Amino acid sequence: MRLAINILPFRRKVRHPFFPDVAAVPAAKARGRSRALAGTFDELLAAAARGATARRAVYVMTTEGELLGEAQREELWRELQVPIYVLLTRGGRIEAWECEAQCGLHVAGGGKAVECACGRPGAKLMPGQGVRHAAA
């Protein structure tokens, strides 16, 4: 599966591949209450400081070089009080997304199925381990 979601400059609302019905409002422009917010860690904190809130989820846009740390995840939870999901981007496209079990990132383009706590098949990017595929 190849995702063609252009997240920069947020011409479309960001949608998590597993939760497409929860379109996110760009955090840089967010005001008031939204179903979901999407942006970088700093954009999300700034949105929370302006009083923006999310009812369902927060999608943190990141790159391989700036993966979300546990302290950052906890800070976003304290500020927004909704589940935090990471969307790994490259060149304005979503390349990987965190599953609801929050144990690694599912990689766009598929791959051989690996066992995941969420029950969804496909290649996964595991922190510190790179992309994992099931044994043939």
N, C-alpha and C. Protein backbone atom coordinates (compact mmCIF):
# COMPACT_ATOMS: atom_id res chain seq x y z
N MET A 1 0.85 -1.17 0.00
CA MET A 1 0.00 0.00 0.00
C MET A 1 0.89 1.23 0.00
N ARG A 2 0.71 2.11 -0.94
CA ARG A 2 1.49 3.34 -1.03
C ARG A 2 0.57 4.50 -0.70
N LEU A 3 0.94 5.31 0.24
CA LEU A 3 0.10 6.43 0.65
C LEU A 3 0.49 7.67 -0.13
N ALA A 4 -0.49 8.38 -0.62
CA ALA A 4 -0.22 9.60 -1.38
C ALA A 4 -0.80 10.79 -0.63
N ILE A 5 -0.49 10.89 0.64
CA ILE A 5 -1.02 11.97 1.46
C ILE A 5 0.05 13.05 1.54
N ASN A 6 -0.25 14.20 1.01
CA ASN A 6 0.69 15.33 1.09
C ASN A 6 0.40 16.06 2.39
N ILE A 7 1.29 15.91 3.37
CA ILE A 7 1.03 16.55 4.66
C ILE A 7 1.64 17.93 4.75
N LEU A 8 2.52 18.28 3.85
CA LEU A 8 3.11 19.61 3.89
C LEU A 8 2.77 20.32 2.60
N PRO A 9 2.16 21.43 2.60
CA PRO A 9 1.82 22.27 3.72
C PRO A 9 0.40 22.06 4.24
N PHE A 10 -0.02 20.88 4.47
CA PHE A 10 -1.34 20.55 5.01
C PHE A 10 -2.46 21.01 4.09
N ARG A 11 -2.33 20.69 2.83
CA ARG A 11 -3.40 21.04 1.90
C ARG A 11 -4.62 20.16 2.14
N ARG A 12 -4.40 18.97 2.63
CA ARG A 12 -5.49 18.06 3.01
C ARG A 12 -5.37 17.80 4.49
N LYS A 13 -6.47 17.40 5.09
CA LYS A 13 -6.39 17.00 6.49
C LYS A 13 -5.65 15.67 6.57
N VAL A 14 -4.80 15.55 7.57
CA VAL A 14 -4.03 14.33 7.77
C VAL A 14 -4.94 13.25 8.29
N ARG A 15 -4.78 12.03 7.76
CA ARG A 15 -5.56 10.88 8.21
C ARG A 15 -4.61 9.73 8.49
N HIS A 16 -4.80 9.10 9.63
CA HIS A 16 -4.01 7.93 9.99
C HIS A 16 -4.51 6.77 9.12
N PRO A 17 -3.62 5.99 8.52
CA PRO A 17 -4.06 4.89 7.65
C PRO A 17 -5.00 3.89 8.31
N PHE A 18 -4.88 3.66 9.61
CA PHE A 18 -5.77 2.72 10.29
C PHE A 18 -7.04 3.38 10.80
N PHE A 19 -7.06 4.71 10.85
CA PHE A 19 -8.22 5.44 11.36
C PHE A 19 -8.59 6.56 10.39
N PRO A 20 -8.96 6.23 9.15
CA PRO A 20 -9.19 7.26 8.14
C PRO A 20 -10.38 8.16 8.44
N ASP A 21 -11.28 7.74 9.31
CA ASP A 21 -12.43 8.57 9.64
C ASP A 21 -12.10 9.69 10.62
N VAL A 22 -10.87 9.69 11.15
CA VAL A 22 -10.47 10.71 12.11
C VAL A 22 -9.48 11.66 11.44
N ALA A 23 -10.01 12.58 10.64
CA ALA A 23 -9.16 13.57 9.97
C ALA A 23 -8.66 14.57 11.00
N ALA A 24 -7.40 14.93 10.90
CA ALA A 24 -6.79 15.82 11.88
C ALA A 24 -6.66 17.25 11.35
N VAL A 25 -6.86 18.19 12.24
CA VAL A 25 -6.67 19.60 11.94
C VAL A 25 -5.18 19.91 12.13
N PRO A 26 -4.57 20.66 11.22
CA PRO A 26 -3.16 21.03 11.40
C PRO A 26 -2.97 21.82 12.69
N ALA A 27 -2.06 21.39 13.53
CA ALA A 27 -1.84 22.02 14.82
C ALA A 27 -1.44 23.49 14.68
N ALA A 28 -0.72 23.82 13.63
CA ALA A 28 -0.26 25.19 13.43
C ALA A 28 -1.42 26.18 13.30
N LYS A 29 -2.59 25.68 12.89
CA LYS A 29 -3.76 26.55 12.70
C LYS A 29 -4.89 26.24 13.67
N ALA A 30 -4.70 25.26 14.53
CA ALA A 30 -5.80 24.77 15.38
C ALA A 30 -6.22 25.79 16.43
N ARG A 31 -7.52 25.88 16.60
CA ARG A 31 -8.14 26.69 17.64
C ARG A 31 -9.33 25.89 18.17
N GLY A 32 -9.58 25.91 19.42
CA GLY A 32 -10.75 25.24 19.98
C GLY A 32 -10.60 23.72 19.94
N ARG A 33 -11.76 23.04 19.85
CA ARG A 33 -11.81 21.58 19.94
C ARG A 33 -11.90 20.96 18.55
N SER A 34 -11.08 19.93 18.31
CA SER A 34 -11.07 19.19 17.04
C SER A 34 -11.16 17.70 17.34
N ARG A 35 -11.53 16.91 16.34
CA ARG A 35 -11.50 15.45 16.52
C ARG A 35 -10.09 14.97 16.74
N ALA A 36 -9.14 15.50 15.95
CA ALA A 36 -7.73 15.12 16.06
C ALA A 36 -6.88 16.31 15.64
N LEU A 37 -5.64 16.32 16.12
CA LEU A 37 -4.66 17.33 15.75
C LEU A 37 -3.45 16.64 15.14
N ALA A 38 -2.79 17.31 14.20
CA ALA A 38 -1.57 16.77 13.59
C ALA A 38 -0.55 17.87 13.45
N GLY A 39 0.70 17.53 13.76
CA GLY A 39 1.78 18.48 13.60
C GLY A 39 3.04 17.96 14.24
N THR A 40 4.07 18.78 14.20
CA THR A 40 5.30 18.41 14.87
C THR A 40 5.08 18.53 16.38
N PHE A 41 6.02 18.01 17.15
CA PHE A 41 5.93 18.10 18.60
C PHE A 41 5.76 19.56 19.03
N ASP A 42 6.59 20.46 18.51
CA ASP A 42 6.53 21.87 18.88
C ASP A 42 5.20 22.51 18.46
N GLU A 43 4.71 22.18 17.27
CA GLU A 43 3.42 22.73 16.82
C GLU A 43 2.28 22.27 17.72
N LEU A 44 2.33 21.02 18.14
CA LEU A 44 1.28 20.50 19.02
C LEU A 44 1.30 21.17 20.39
N LEU A 45 2.50 21.39 20.95
CA LEU A 45 2.59 22.10 22.23
C LEU A 45 2.08 23.53 22.11
N ALA A 46 2.43 24.19 21.01
CA ALA A 46 1.96 25.56 20.79
C ALA A 46 0.43 25.60 20.65
N ALA A 47 -0.13 24.62 19.97
CA ALA A 47 -1.59 24.54 19.82
C ALA A 47 -2.25 24.36 21.18
N ALA A 48 -1.70 23.49 22.01
CA ALA A 48 -2.24 23.28 23.35
C ALA A 48 -2.17 24.57 24.17
N ALA A 49 -1.08 25.31 24.03
CA ALA A 49 -0.92 26.58 24.76
C ALA A 49 -1.97 27.60 24.31
N ARG A 50 -2.42 27.52 23.04
CA ARG A 50 -3.47 28.41 22.53
C ARG A 50 -4.85 27.94 22.93
N GLY A 51 -4.94 26.78 23.57
CA GLY A 51 -6.24 26.26 23.98
C GLY A 51 -6.84 25.24 23.05
N ALA A 52 -6.10 24.82 22.04
CA ALA A 52 -6.61 23.79 21.12
C ALA A 52 -6.64 22.45 21.86
N THR A 53 -7.67 21.67 21.60
CA THR A 53 -7.81 20.34 22.19
C THR A 53 -8.23 19.35 21.11
N ALA A 54 -8.05 18.07 21.41
CA ALA A 54 -8.46 17.00 20.49
C ALA A 54 -9.36 16.03 21.26
N ARG A 55 -10.40 15.54 20.60
CA ARG A 55 -11.31 14.58 21.24
C ARG A 55 -10.83 13.15 21.09
N ARG A 56 -10.14 12.80 19.98
CA ARG A 56 -9.83 11.40 19.71
C ARG A 56 -8.35 11.05 19.68
N ALA A 57 -7.51 11.89 19.05
CA ALA A 57 -6.11 11.49 18.86
C ALA A 57 -5.25 12.69 18.48
N VAL A 58 -3.94 12.48 18.66
CA VAL A 58 -2.93 13.43 18.21
C VAL A 58 -1.96 12.66 17.33
N TYR A 59 -1.69 13.19 16.14
CA TYR A 59 -0.75 12.58 15.22
C TYR A 59 0.51 13.44 15.20
N VAL A 60 1.61 12.89 15.67
CA VAL A 60 2.87 13.62 15.73
C VAL A 60 3.65 13.33 14.45
N MET A 61 3.91 14.38 13.67
CA MET A 61 4.67 14.24 12.44
C MET A 61 6.15 14.31 12.79
N THR A 62 6.90 13.32 12.35
CA THR A 62 8.31 13.24 12.69
C THR A 62 9.08 12.64 11.52
N THR A 63 10.38 12.63 11.63
CA THR A 63 11.23 11.97 10.65
C THR A 63 12.10 10.96 11.39
N GLU A 64 12.80 10.12 10.65
CA GLU A 64 13.66 9.12 11.29
C GLU A 64 14.67 9.76 12.23
N GLY A 65 15.14 10.95 11.90
CA GLY A 65 16.14 11.62 12.72
C GLY A 65 15.59 12.28 13.97
N GLU A 66 14.27 12.39 14.07
CA GLU A 66 13.68 13.04 15.23
C GLU A 66 12.49 12.24 15.76
N LEU A 67 12.70 10.97 16.04
CA LEU A 67 11.63 10.13 16.57
C LEU A 67 11.17 10.65 17.92
N LEU A 68 9.93 10.43 18.24
CA LEU A 68 9.33 10.90 19.48
C LEU A 68 9.84 10.11 20.67
N GLY A 69 10.33 10.80 21.68
CA GLY A 69 10.82 10.15 22.89
C GLY A 69 9.70 9.96 23.91
N GLU A 70 9.95 9.12 24.90
CA GLU A 70 8.95 8.85 25.93
C GLU A 70 8.57 10.11 26.70
N ALA A 71 9.55 10.96 27.02
CA ALA A 71 9.26 12.20 27.75
C ALA A 71 8.38 13.12 26.91
N GLN A 72 8.63 13.17 25.59
CA GLN A 72 7.80 13.99 24.71
C GLN A 72 6.38 13.44 24.64
N ARG A 73 6.25 12.11 24.55
CA ARG A 73 4.93 11.48 24.51
C ARG A 73 4.15 11.81 25.79
N GLU A 74 4.83 11.73 26.93
CA GLU A 74 4.17 12.02 28.20
C GLU A 74 3.76 13.49 28.30
N GLU A 75 4.61 14.38 27.79
CA GLU A 75 4.27 15.80 27.81
C GLU A 75 3.03 16.09 26.96
N LEU A 76 2.96 15.48 25.77
CA LEU A 76 1.77 15.65 24.92
C LEU A 76 0.54 15.07 25.59
N TRP A 77 0.69 13.94 26.27
CA TRP A 77 -0.45 13.35 26.99
C TRP A 77 -0.94 14.30 28.08
N ARG A 78 0.00 14.87 28.85
CA ARG A 78 -0.40 15.80 29.91
C ARG A 78 -1.14 17.00 29.34
N GLU A 79 -0.67 17.50 28.21
CA GLU A 79 -1.28 18.70 27.61
C GLU A 79 -2.60 18.42 26.91
N LEU A 80 -2.71 17.27 26.22
CA LEU A 80 -3.87 17.03 25.35
C LEU A 80 -4.77 15.89 25.80
N GLN A 81 -4.28 14.96 26.61
CA GLN A 81 -5.08 13.89 27.21
C GLN A 81 -5.82 13.00 26.21
N VAL A 82 -5.17 12.71 25.08
CA VAL A 82 -5.71 11.78 24.09
C VAL A 82 -4.57 10.90 23.60
N PRO A 83 -4.87 9.76 22.98
CA PRO A 83 -3.80 8.90 22.47
C PRO A 83 -2.90 9.64 21.47
N ILE A 84 -1.60 9.35 21.57
CA ILE A 84 -0.59 9.98 20.73
C ILE A 84 -0.09 8.93 19.73
N TYR A 85 -0.18 9.23 18.43
CA TYR A 85 0.30 8.32 17.40
C TYR A 85 1.37 9.03 16.57
N VAL A 86 2.43 8.32 16.25
CA VAL A 86 3.52 8.88 15.45
C VAL A 86 3.28 8.56 13.98
N LEU A 87 3.46 9.56 13.12
CA LEU A 87 3.44 9.37 11.67
C LEU A 87 4.81 9.80 11.16
N LEU A 88 5.58 8.86 10.64
CA LEU A 88 6.91 9.12 10.13
C LEU A 88 6.79 9.62 8.70
N THR A 89 7.38 10.78 8.42
CA THR A 89 7.24 11.38 7.10
C THR A 89 8.58 11.49 6.40
N ARG A 90 8.52 11.53 5.10
CA ARG A 90 9.72 11.75 4.27
C ARG A 90 9.24 12.43 2.99
N GLY A 91 9.79 13.59 2.70
CA GLY A 91 9.43 14.30 1.48
C GLY A 91 7.96 14.65 1.40
N GLY A 92 7.32 14.90 2.52
CA GLY A 92 5.91 15.29 2.52
C GLY A 92 4.93 14.15 2.44
N ARG A 93 5.40 12.92 2.54
CA ARG A 93 4.51 11.76 2.48
C ARG A 93 4.65 10.93 3.75
N ILE A 94 3.57 10.31 4.14
CA ILE A 94 3.60 9.43 5.30
C ILE A 94 4.26 8.13 4.88
N GLU A 95 5.34 7.76 5.53
CA GLU A 95 6.10 6.55 5.22
C GLU A 95 5.82 5.43 6.21
N ALA A 96 5.49 5.76 7.43
CA ALA A 96 5.21 4.75 8.45
C ALA A 96 4.28 5.36 9.50
N TRP A 97 3.53 4.50 10.17
CA TRP A 97 2.58 4.97 11.17
C TRP A 97 2.54 4.00 12.33
N GLU A 98 2.33 4.57 13.49
CA GLU A 98 2.28 3.77 14.71
C GLU A 98 0.92 3.11 14.83
N CYS A 99 0.93 1.84 15.19
CA CYS A 99 -0.33 1.13 15.36
C CYS A 99 -0.93 1.45 16.72
N GLU A 100 -2.17 1.04 16.92
CA GLU A 100 -2.83 1.33 18.18
C GLU A 100 -2.18 0.61 19.36
N ALA A 101 -1.41 -0.44 19.12
CA ALA A 101 -0.69 -1.13 20.19
C ALA A 101 0.59 -0.39 20.57
N GLN A 102 0.99 0.59 19.78
CA GLN A 102 2.16 1.43 20.01
C GLN A 102 3.43 0.61 20.26
N CYS A 103 3.65 -0.38 19.38
CA CYS A 103 4.86 -1.20 19.49
C CYS A 103 5.57 -1.23 18.14
N GLY A 104 6.06 -0.08 17.72
CA GLY A 104 6.73 0.02 16.43
C GLY A 104 5.86 0.73 15.41
N LEU A 105 6.41 0.91 14.22
CA LEU A 105 5.72 1.61 13.15
C LEU A 105 5.47 0.66 11.98
N HIS A 106 4.25 0.67 11.44
CA HIS A 106 3.94 -0.06 10.23
C HIS A 106 4.48 0.74 9.05
N VAL A 107 5.09 0.08 8.09
CA VAL A 107 5.76 0.76 6.99
C VAL A 107 4.89 0.74 5.74
N ALA A 108 4.77 1.90 5.07
CA ALA A 108 4.03 2.00 3.82
C ALA A 108 4.69 1.10 2.78
N GLY A 109 3.93 0.58 1.89
CA GLY A 109 4.48 -0.28 0.85
C GLY A 109 4.39 -1.75 1.22
N GLY A 110 3.94 -2.02 2.43
CA GLY A 110 3.74 -3.40 2.84
C GLY A 110 5.01 -4.14 3.14
N GLY A 111 5.08 -5.36 2.67
CA GLY A 111 6.17 -6.26 3.02
C GLY A 111 5.56 -7.54 3.54
N LYS A 112 6.41 -8.47 3.93
CA LYS A 112 5.89 -9.72 4.48
C LYS A 112 5.33 -9.46 5.87
N ALA A 113 4.30 -10.20 6.21
CA ALA A 113 3.63 -10.01 7.49
C ALA A 113 4.54 -10.35 8.66
N VAL A 114 4.49 -9.52 9.69
CA VAL A 114 5.16 -9.81 10.95
C VAL A 114 4.08 -9.84 12.02
N GLU A 115 4.37 -10.51 13.11
CA GLU A 115 3.41 -10.56 14.19
C GLU A 115 3.40 -9.22 14.91
N CYS A 116 2.23 -8.65 15.10
CA CYS A 116 2.10 -7.37 15.79
C CYS A 116 0.97 -7.49 16.80
N ALA A 117 1.12 -6.84 17.92
CA ALA A 117 0.10 -6.88 18.96
C ALA A 117 -1.24 -6.31 18.49
N CYS A 118 -1.21 -5.45 17.46
CA CYS A 118 -2.46 -4.88 16.96
C CYS A 118 -3.19 -5.84 16.03
N GLY A 119 -2.49 -6.89 15.57
CA GLY A 119 -3.12 -7.86 14.69
C GLY A 119 -3.05 -7.52 13.21
N ARG A 120 -2.44 -6.42 12.84
CA ARG A 120 -2.36 -6.01 11.44
C ARG A 120 -1.06 -6.53 10.81
N PRO A 121 -1.12 -7.03 9.58
CA PRO A 121 0.09 -7.57 8.93
C PRO A 121 0.93 -6.47 8.29
N GLY A 122 2.14 -6.82 7.90
CA GLY A 122 2.99 -5.92 7.14
C GLY A 122 4.34 -5.72 7.80
N ALA A 123 5.22 -5.06 7.06
CA ALA A 123 6.55 -4.76 7.58
C ALA A 123 6.43 -3.73 8.68
N LYS A 124 7.36 -3.78 9.64
CA LYS A 124 7.36 -2.83 10.74
C LYS A 124 8.74 -2.26 10.95
N LEU A 125 8.78 -1.01 11.36
CA LEU A 125 10.01 -0.35 11.76
C LEU A 125 10.04 -0.38 13.27
N MET A 126 11.05 -1.07 13.81
CA MET A 126 11.18 -1.20 15.26
C MET A 126 12.29 -0.27 15.73
N PRO A 127 12.06 0.51 16.80
CA PRO A 127 13.09 1.42 17.29
C PRO A 127 14.41 0.69 17.53
N GLY A 128 15.48 1.22 16.93
CA GLY A 128 16.80 0.64 17.10
C GLY A 128 17.07 -0.65 16.34
N GLN A 129 16.06 -1.16 15.60
CA GLN A 129 16.23 -2.43 14.89
C GLN A 129 16.02 -2.32 13.39
N GLY A 130 15.52 -1.21 12.90
CA GLY A 130 15.24 -1.07 11.48
C GLY A 130 13.96 -1.80 11.10
N VAL A 131 13.77 -2.01 9.81
CA VAL A 131 12.55 -2.65 9.31
C VAL A 131 12.63 -4.16 9.55
N ARG A 132 11.57 -4.72 10.10
CA ARG A 132 11.48 -6.16 10.33
C ARG A 132 10.47 -6.76 9.39
N HIS A 133 10.81 -7.92 8.86
CA HIS A 133 9.91 -8.70 8.02
C HIS A 133 9.79 -10.08 8.65
N ALA A 134 8.71 -10.76 8.35
CA ALA A 134 8.55 -12.12 8.85
C ALA A 134 9.57 -13.03 8.18
N ALA A 135 9.96 -14.06 8.87
CA ALA A 135 10.87 -15.05 8.27
C ALA A 135 10.14 -15.77 7.15
N ALA A 136 10.84 -16.04 6.08
CA ALA A 136 10.20 -16.71 4.93
C ALA A 136 10.01 -18.19 5.20
